[in-house]
Amino acid sequence: MPDEEFVKYIYKVFKLIHHDEYKLQSTGIDERIFDDFESSLVEYLKEEFSRIPDKQLLIKLEDALEDINNLKIGQDPDYRFSLTPHVYFMKYFLENVYCIYLAWFLIYQNALLPSKVNILDIAAGPGTVAYGLALFLQSSSGFFHIPQMHISYYSLEKQDAFQFRGLQFWRRYIESRLTPVNAFFRFVTTDIFNWKTQSNNLPKDFFDFIVISHCFFADPGKRVEANNTYKQIFTTSLKNSGYVLLIVQDKKLFKISDVHQVENQEEEKNVVHKFLTELGLELVWYKYLTSTDSRIPMSGVEFGKFARKKLPNQVYMSPILQQYFGQKHHLHYTLDDYVILAKNYDKLQEK
């Protein structure tokens, strides 16, 4: 059963507010954990950059930034530059870990997190899903004694550079903690669009959680192809008792369904169900994790004011973004994601 004091603590430090059954606002953070994590990541990046001559470094960073900025215009980056993982660490990693941390908290709160857990992370990047769980477990250590967690973490990712950099920082940071997380890493380096030839690389009926975070496609052809691969993986590799955890940005979810996001729970629920049907999944529960109290997006200027007033700063990361990319504003920890827990339809039929 979840520890009541710990649950209260998370609600307090993350300033969690349930606005309705699905909308959960967070404007806080566990500073004890995230400040240390963020400063260690910046230290790691500075060390990496110190090995490259200044002139060369700026060119490499610019190439990687241009590539990764494709995400902003709804295109898929190539991720082919040597510093693309580093730019991802600088711009997106901390926010994504923040979101995944809260997703694991919700799973824990619902008494669904076993002490021995097998996780498959599809399009894993540098292992964001594992980091979110590790930081969540660190937060819990002062509250109650958890039996030693055993995590088997499988990363399915097409870029081995992401896997390598993620593991490198994991060994440096997570394994140096007073209570290191006992995690076994396995890397499957392949592109989901070439999945058929790789289909024997994953164990059958093995995973408690299969996680897909932000790897959903606006292009209908790509989406159908990716979804077919996802369905195949769910059916063969998920335990009968296992869950699928999906993290999808609000804009992407509504763009896929070709509707505008409005303050309407019924319409939102229909969009989530339609999204799951395309993946052969049945809803267990979902939450809309948001920094604001509204489903309707603010303008950039409005949100900037709101963030400066209310949201936790990325204190250590902002200066290096200013140094290398001339970024004028401070970065904050922000949320605009749907966290969806589901069951595989085929597995439900087998029971």
Protein backbone atom coordinates (compact mmCIF):
# COMPACT_ATOMS: atom_id res chain seq x y z
CA MET A 1 0.00 0.00 0.00
CA PRO A 2 1.22 3.55 -0.70
CA ASP A 3 2.74 5.37 2.29
CA GLU A 4 0.29 8.15 3.26
CA GLU A 5 2.95 10.54 4.59
CA PHE A 6 5.01 10.20 1.44
CA VAL A 7 1.96 10.80 -0.79
CA LYS A 8 1.16 13.94 1.26
CA TYR A 9 4.77 15.09 0.89
CA ILE A 10 4.67 14.74 -2.92
CA TYR A 11 1.37 16.64 -3.09
CA LYS A 12 2.89 19.41 -0.97
CA VAL A 13 6.28 19.89 -2.70
CA PHE A 14 4.90 19.53 -6.24
CA LYS A 15 1.92 21.73 -5.26
CA LEU A 16 -0.43 19.23 -6.89
CA ILE A 17 -4.03 20.34 -7.39
CA HIS A 18 -6.79 18.15 -8.85
CA HIS A 19 -9.02 20.56 -10.77
CA ASP A 20 -11.32 17.77 -11.96
CA GLU A 21 -11.20 14.00 -12.43
CA TYR A 22 -8.51 14.24 -15.13
CA LYS A 23 -6.72 17.59 -14.81
CA LEU A 24 -3.81 17.64 -12.36
CA GLN A 25 -1.84 20.88 -12.00
CA SER A 26 1.74 20.95 -10.70
CA THR A 27 3.68 24.15 -10.00
CA GLY A 28 6.29 22.73 -7.61
CA ILE A 29 9.17 20.25 -7.45
CA ASP A 30 11.18 18.19 -4.95
CA GLU A 31 14.16 20.56 -4.81
CA ARG A 32 16.24 18.16 -2.68
CA ILE A 33 16.28 15.71 -5.56
CA PHE A 34 16.05 17.81 -8.72
CA ASP A 35 18.58 20.53 -7.76
CA ASP A 36 21.26 17.93 -7.18
CA PHE A 37 20.32 16.05 -10.35
CA GLU A 38 20.29 19.18 -12.50
CA SER A 39 23.62 20.50 -11.18
CA SER A 40 25.27 17.10 -11.78
CA LEU A 41 23.94 17.04 -15.35
CA VAL A 42 25.34 20.52 -16.02
CA GLU A 43 28.70 19.47 -14.55
CA TYR A 44 28.73 16.44 -16.85
CA LEU A 45 27.92 18.60 -19.90
CA LYS A 46 30.62 21.15 -19.05
CA GLU A 47 33.19 18.35 -18.78
CA GLU A 48 32.10 16.96 -22.13
CA PHE A 49 32.32 20.39 -23.79
CA SER A 50 35.76 21.11 -22.28
CA ARG A 51 37.19 18.30 -24.43
CA ILE A 52 36.23 20.05 -27.69
CA PRO A 53 38.05 23.16 -29.01
CA ASP A 54 35.81 26.25 -28.66
CA LYS A 55 35.38 26.99 -32.35
CA GLN A 56 34.55 23.38 -33.18
CA LEU A 57 32.21 23.15 -30.18
CA LEU A 58 30.06 26.07 -31.34
CA ILE A 59 29.68 24.59 -34.85
CA LYS A 60 28.79 21.14 -33.48
CA LEU A 61 26.27 22.61 -31.03
CA GLU A 62 24.68 24.72 -33.76
CA ASP A 63 24.26 21.68 -36.06
CA ALA A 64 22.71 19.63 -33.26
CA LEU A 65 20.42 22.48 -32.19
CA GLU A 66 19.17 23.05 -35.74
CA ASP A 67 18.42 19.33 -36.02
CA ILE A 68 16.62 19.01 -32.69
CA ASN A 69 14.62 22.23 -33.28
CA ASN A 70 12.70 20.30 -35.96
CA LEU A 71 10.63 19.05 -33.02
CA LYS A 72 9.19 22.57 -32.65
CA ILE A 73 7.78 22.53 -36.19
CA GLY A 74 6.37 19.02 -35.87
CA GLN A 75 9.10 17.30 -37.88
CA ASP A 76 11.31 14.44 -36.81
CA PRO A 77 14.97 15.29 -36.19
CA ASP A 78 17.68 13.08 -37.72
CA TYR A 79 19.51 12.86 -34.38
CA ARG A 80 22.66 12.18 -36.37
CA PHE A 81 25.06 14.80 -34.96
CA SER A 82 27.65 13.97 -32.31
CA LEU A 83 26.27 16.54 -29.83
CA THR A 84 22.55 15.88 -30.44
CA PRO A 85 22.29 13.90 -27.16
CA HIS A 86 23.95 16.79 -25.31
CA VAL A 87 21.56 19.36 -26.79
CA TYR A 88 18.65 17.07 -25.88
CA PHE A 89 20.02 16.94 -22.31
CA MET A 90 20.14 20.75 -22.27
CA LYS A 91 16.72 21.52 -23.75
CA TYR A 92 14.28 18.67 -23.12
CA PHE A 93 15.64 16.04 -20.75
CA LEU A 94 14.94 17.67 -17.37
CA GLU A 95 11.33 18.50 -18.23
CA ASN A 96 10.72 15.00 -19.56
CA VAL A 97 12.21 13.43 -16.41
CA TYR A 98 9.99 15.74 -14.31
CA CYS A 99 6.89 14.48 -16.16
CA ILE A 100 7.91 10.80 -15.99
CA TYR A 101 8.68 11.18 -12.27
CA LEU A 102 5.07 12.26 -11.69
CA ALA A 103 3.79 9.42 -13.90
CA TRP A 104 5.64 6.89 -11.68
CA PHE A 105 4.22 8.64 -8.62
CA LEU A 106 0.67 8.20 -9.97
CA ILE A 107 1.39 4.52 -10.61
CA TYR A 108 2.77 4.16 -7.07
CA GLN A 109 -0.25 6.01 -5.61
CA ASN A 110 -2.51 3.47 -7.33
CA ALA A 111 -0.49 0.60 -5.73
CA LEU A 112 0.67 -0.65 -9.15
CA LEU A 113 4.46 -0.46 -8.72
CA PRO A 114 5.98 -3.87 -7.86
CA SER A 115 9.39 -4.17 -6.14
CA LYS A 116 10.65 -6.27 -9.06
CA VAL A 117 9.74 -4.50 -12.27
CA ASN A 118 10.52 -5.16 -15.93
CA ILE A 119 10.23 -2.07 -18.15
CA LEU A 120 10.46 -1.65 -21.91
CA ASP A 121 11.01 1.96 -22.97
CA ILE A 122 10.22 2.44 -26.68
CA ALA A 123 12.08 5.32 -28.38
CA ALA A 124 13.92 5.61 -25.09
CA GLY A 125 16.34 8.44 -25.88
CA PRO A 126 18.93 8.57 -23.08
CA GLY A 127 16.72 6.55 -20.70
CA THR A 128 14.33 9.24 -19.45
CA VAL A 129 11.87 6.66 -18.10
CA ALA A 130 14.57 5.00 -15.95
CA TYR A 131 15.79 8.37 -14.63
CA GLY A 132 12.25 9.42 -13.66
CA LEU A 133 11.79 6.20 -11.68
CA ALA A 134 15.23 6.46 -10.04
CA LEU A 135 14.59 10.03 -8.85
CA PHE A 136 11.13 9.06 -7.61
CA LEU A 137 12.68 6.23 -5.56
CA GLN A 138 15.28 8.67 -4.19
CA SER A 139 12.47 10.95 -2.99
CA SER A 140 10.84 8.07 -1.13
CA SER A 141 13.97 6.94 0.73
CA GLY A 142 13.53 9.35 3.66
CA PHE A 143 9.96 8.22 4.34
CA PHE A 144 9.83 4.45 4.50
CA HIS A 145 12.00 1.46 3.87
CA ILE A 146 11.20 0.02 0.47
CA PRO A 147 12.38 -3.49 -0.26
CA GLN A 148 15.35 -3.33 -2.64
CA MET A 149 13.86 -2.54 -6.06
CA HIS A 150 15.05 -4.72 -8.92
CA ILE A 151 14.59 -2.96 -12.24
CA SER A 152 15.14 -4.65 -15.59
CA TYR A 153 15.17 -1.75 -18.02
CA TYR A 154 15.15 -2.40 -21.76
CA SER A 155 15.84 0.61 -23.97
CA LEU A 156 14.57 0.36 -27.54
CA GLU A 157 16.13 3.29 -29.41
CA LYS A 158 17.45 3.79 -32.93
CA GLN A 159 20.34 6.06 -31.88
CA ASP A 160 23.08 4.25 -29.99
CA ALA A 161 24.62 7.65 -29.10
CA PHE A 162 21.55 8.41 -26.94
CA GLN A 163 21.81 5.03 -25.21
CA PHE A 164 25.55 5.47 -24.62
CA ARG A 165 25.28 9.01 -23.20
CA GLY A 166 22.30 8.05 -21.04
CA LEU A 167 24.19 5.12 -19.53
CA GLN A 168 27.35 7.21 -19.09
CA PHE A 169 25.52 9.83 -17.03
CA TRP A 170 23.55 7.11 -15.14
CA ARG A 171 26.80 5.50 -13.99
CA ARG A 172 28.15 8.86 -12.92
CA TYR A 173 25.07 10.13 -11.10
CA ILE A 174 22.59 7.41 -10.13
CA GLU A 175 25.15 4.75 -9.20
CA SER A 176 27.03 7.20 -6.96
CA ARG A 177 24.02 7.83 -4.67
CA LEU A 178 23.96 6.58 -1.08
CA THR A 179 21.11 4.25 -2.04
CA PRO A 180 21.87 3.41 -5.68
CA VAL A 181 19.04 1.98 -7.75
CA ASN A 182 19.55 -1.66 -8.62
CA ALA A 183 18.95 -1.57 -12.38
CA PHE A 184 19.91 -3.94 -15.16
CA PHE A 185 20.15 -2.19 -18.54
CA ARG A 186 19.63 -3.93 -21.85
CA PHE A 187 19.92 -2.03 -25.13
CA VAL A 188 18.04 -2.90 -28.29
CA THR A 189 19.31 -0.48 -30.94
CA THR A 190 16.87 -0.45 -33.82
CA ASP A 191 14.39 1.73 -35.66
CA ILE A 192 10.73 0.91 -35.04
CA PHE A 193 10.15 1.37 -38.78
CA ASN A 194 12.47 -1.60 -39.47
CA TRP A 195 11.00 -3.68 -36.69
CA LYS A 196 10.18 -6.96 -38.48
CA THR A 197 13.80 -8.04 -38.81
CA GLN A 198 14.44 -7.35 -35.13
CA SER A 199 11.35 -9.01 -33.67
CA ASN A 200 13.26 -11.69 -31.74
CA ASN A 201 15.31 -9.23 -29.69
CA LEU A 202 12.72 -8.80 -26.94
CA PRO A 203 11.61 -11.43 -24.42
CA LYS A 204 8.04 -12.74 -24.68
CA ASP A 205 5.39 -12.09 -22.00
CA PHE A 206 8.00 -10.36 -19.85
CA PHE A 207 7.29 -6.68 -19.23
CA ASP A 208 5.25 -5.20 -16.38
CA PHE A 209 5.29 -1.83 -18.15
CA ILE A 210 5.83 -0.88 -21.76
CA VAL A 211 6.33 2.88 -21.97
CA ILE A 212 6.08 5.12 -25.02
CA SER A 213 6.93 8.71 -24.23
CA HIS A 214 6.44 11.34 -26.96
CA CYS A 215 7.07 8.97 -29.89
CA PHE A 216 3.79 9.51 -31.73
CA PHE A 217 3.53 10.76 -35.28
CA ALA A 218 1.35 13.49 -36.75
CA ASP A 219 1.91 12.10 -40.28
CA PRO A 220 -0.95 9.55 -40.80
CA GLY A 221 1.15 7.06 -42.81
CA LYS A 222 3.97 7.02 -40.27
CA ARG A 223 1.47 6.81 -37.42
CA VAL A 224 -0.25 3.71 -38.83
CA GLU A 225 3.12 2.03 -39.44
CA ALA A 226 4.42 2.86 -35.94
CA ASN A 227 1.14 1.84 -34.28
CA ASN A 228 1.22 -1.55 -36.01
CA THR A 229 4.70 -2.14 -34.61
CA TYR A 230 3.62 -0.99 -31.14
CA LYS A 231 0.62 -3.36 -31.21
CA GLN A 232 2.85 -6.26 -32.21
CA ILE A 233 5.24 -5.50 -29.32
CA PHE A 234 2.39 -5.16 -26.79
CA THR A 235 0.91 -8.50 -27.83
CA THR A 236 4.15 -10.47 -27.76
CA SER A 237 6.18 -8.85 -24.96
CA LEU A 238 3.74 -7.55 -22.32
CA LYS A 239 2.81 -9.80 -19.40
CA ASN A 240 -0.90 -10.61 -19.12
CA SER A 241 -0.91 -8.51 -15.94
CA GLY A 242 1.20 -5.75 -17.55
CA TYR A 243 0.35 -2.14 -18.40
CA VAL A 244 1.14 0.25 -21.21
CA LEU A 245 2.12 3.76 -20.10
CA LEU A 246 1.81 6.49 -22.73
CA ILE A 247 3.05 10.08 -22.41
CA VAL A 248 1.80 12.38 -25.16
CA GLN A 249 1.96 16.16 -25.40
CA ASP A 250 -1.45 17.87 -25.37
CA LYS A 251 -0.93 19.60 -28.75
CA LYS A 252 0.15 16.33 -30.39
CA LEU A 253 -2.80 14.34 -28.99
CA PHE A 254 -5.37 16.82 -30.27
CA LYS A 255 -3.57 17.34 -33.58
CA ILE A 256 -3.70 13.57 -34.21
CA SER A 257 -7.49 13.68 -33.67
CA ASP A 258 -7.78 16.92 -35.65
CA VAL A 259 -9.72 18.74 -32.91
CA HIS A 260 -8.98 21.80 -30.77
CA GLN A 261 -8.30 21.36 -27.08
CA VAL A 262 -11.10 22.94 -25.07
CA GLU A 263 -12.27 22.90 -21.45
CA ASN A 264 -14.54 19.89 -22.08
CA GLN A 265 -13.89 16.64 -20.21
CA GLU A 266 -16.20 14.52 -22.37
CA GLU A 267 -14.54 15.61 -25.60
CA GLU A 268 -11.11 15.06 -24.04
CA LYS A 269 -12.12 11.55 -22.94
CA ASN A 270 -13.31 10.74 -26.47
CA VAL A 271 -9.97 11.92 -27.90
CA VAL A 272 -8.08 9.69 -25.42
CA HIS A 273 -10.30 6.66 -26.24
CA LYS A 274 -9.86 7.19 -29.99
CA PHE A 275 -6.07 7.43 -29.52
CA LEU A 276 -6.06 4.16 -27.52
CA THR A 277 -8.30 2.33 -30.01
CA GLU A 278 -5.71 2.99 -32.74
CA LEU A 279 -3.16 1.23 -30.50
CA GLY A 280 -5.37 -1.75 -29.57
CA LEU A 281 -5.51 -0.57 -25.95
CA GLU A 282 -8.18 -0.14 -23.27
CA LEU A 283 -8.07 2.74 -20.79
CA VAL A 284 -7.27 2.10 -17.11
CA TRP A 285 -6.93 5.80 -16.21
CA TYR A 286 -5.45 9.01 -17.52
CA LYS A 287 -4.39 12.39 -16.15
CA TYR A 288 -3.72 15.65 -17.92
CA LEU A 289 -0.56 16.96 -16.22
CA THR A 290 -0.39 20.71 -16.65
CA SER A 291 1.50 23.67 -15.20
CA THR A 292 -1.53 25.94 -15.54
CA ASP A 293 -5.10 25.45 -14.34
CA SER A 294 -6.54 25.51 -17.86
CA ARG A 295 -6.79 23.15 -20.81
CA ILE A 296 -6.83 26.11 -23.18
CA PRO A 297 -3.24 27.12 -24.05
CA MET A 298 -2.01 30.57 -22.97
CA SER A 299 -0.20 32.89 -25.37
CA GLY A 300 3.61 32.76 -25.20
CA VAL A 301 3.78 36.14 -23.43
CA GLU A 302 1.11 35.17 -20.87
CA PHE A 303 2.77 31.84 -20.18
CA GLY A 304 6.18 33.52 -19.77
CA LYS A 305 4.76 35.81 -17.07
CA PHE A 306 3.02 32.88 -15.38
CA ALA A 307 6.19 30.73 -15.44
CA ARG A 308 8.37 33.47 -13.93
CA LYS A 309 5.90 33.93 -11.11
CA LYS A 310 4.84 30.36 -10.36
CA LEU A 311 7.07 27.61 -11.81
CA PRO A 312 10.33 26.08 -10.55
CA ASN A 313 13.45 27.40 -12.28
CA GLN A 314 16.07 25.30 -14.02
CA VAL A 315 18.68 27.17 -11.99
CA TYR A 316 21.82 25.41 -13.25
CA MET A 317 20.80 24.66 -16.83
CA SER A 318 19.61 28.15 -17.79
CA PRO A 319 23.09 29.78 -17.62
CA ILE A 320 24.68 27.27 -20.02
CA LEU A 321 21.80 27.71 -22.46
CA GLN A 322 22.42 31.45 -22.25
CA GLN A 323 26.16 30.89 -22.74
CA TYR A 324 25.95 28.60 -25.78
CA PHE A 325 22.64 29.50 -27.44
CA GLY A 326 22.13 33.11 -26.33
CA GLN A 327 18.83 32.14 -24.72
CA LYS A 328 17.49 35.24 -22.98
CA HIS A 329 14.87 33.81 -20.65
CA HIS A 330 15.24 31.35 -17.78
CA LEU A 331 14.05 27.79 -18.33
CA HIS A 332 11.40 26.40 -15.99
CA TYR A 333 10.06 22.95 -15.22
CA THR A 334 6.79 22.86 -17.17
CA LEU A 335 4.12 20.27 -17.93
CA ASP A 336 1.64 19.89 -20.80
CA ASP A 337 1.30 16.11 -21.14
CA TYR A 338 -1.32 13.41 -20.99
CA VAL A 339 -0.22 10.45 -18.86
CA ILE A 340 -2.31 7.47 -19.95
CA LEU A 341 -2.28 4.02 -18.34
CA ALA A 342 -3.81 1.26 -20.44
CA LYS A 343 -4.15 -2.49 -20.88
CA ASN A 344 -3.54 -4.39 -24.08
CA TYR A 345 -6.84 -5.55 -25.60
CA ASP A 346 -5.40 -8.92 -26.77
CA LYS A 347 -4.07 -9.65 -23.28
CA LEU A 348 -7.47 -8.90 -21.75
CA GLN A 349 -9.05 -11.41 -24.15
CA GLU A 350 -6.53 -14.09 -23.11
CA LYS A 351 -7.36 -13.82 -19.40
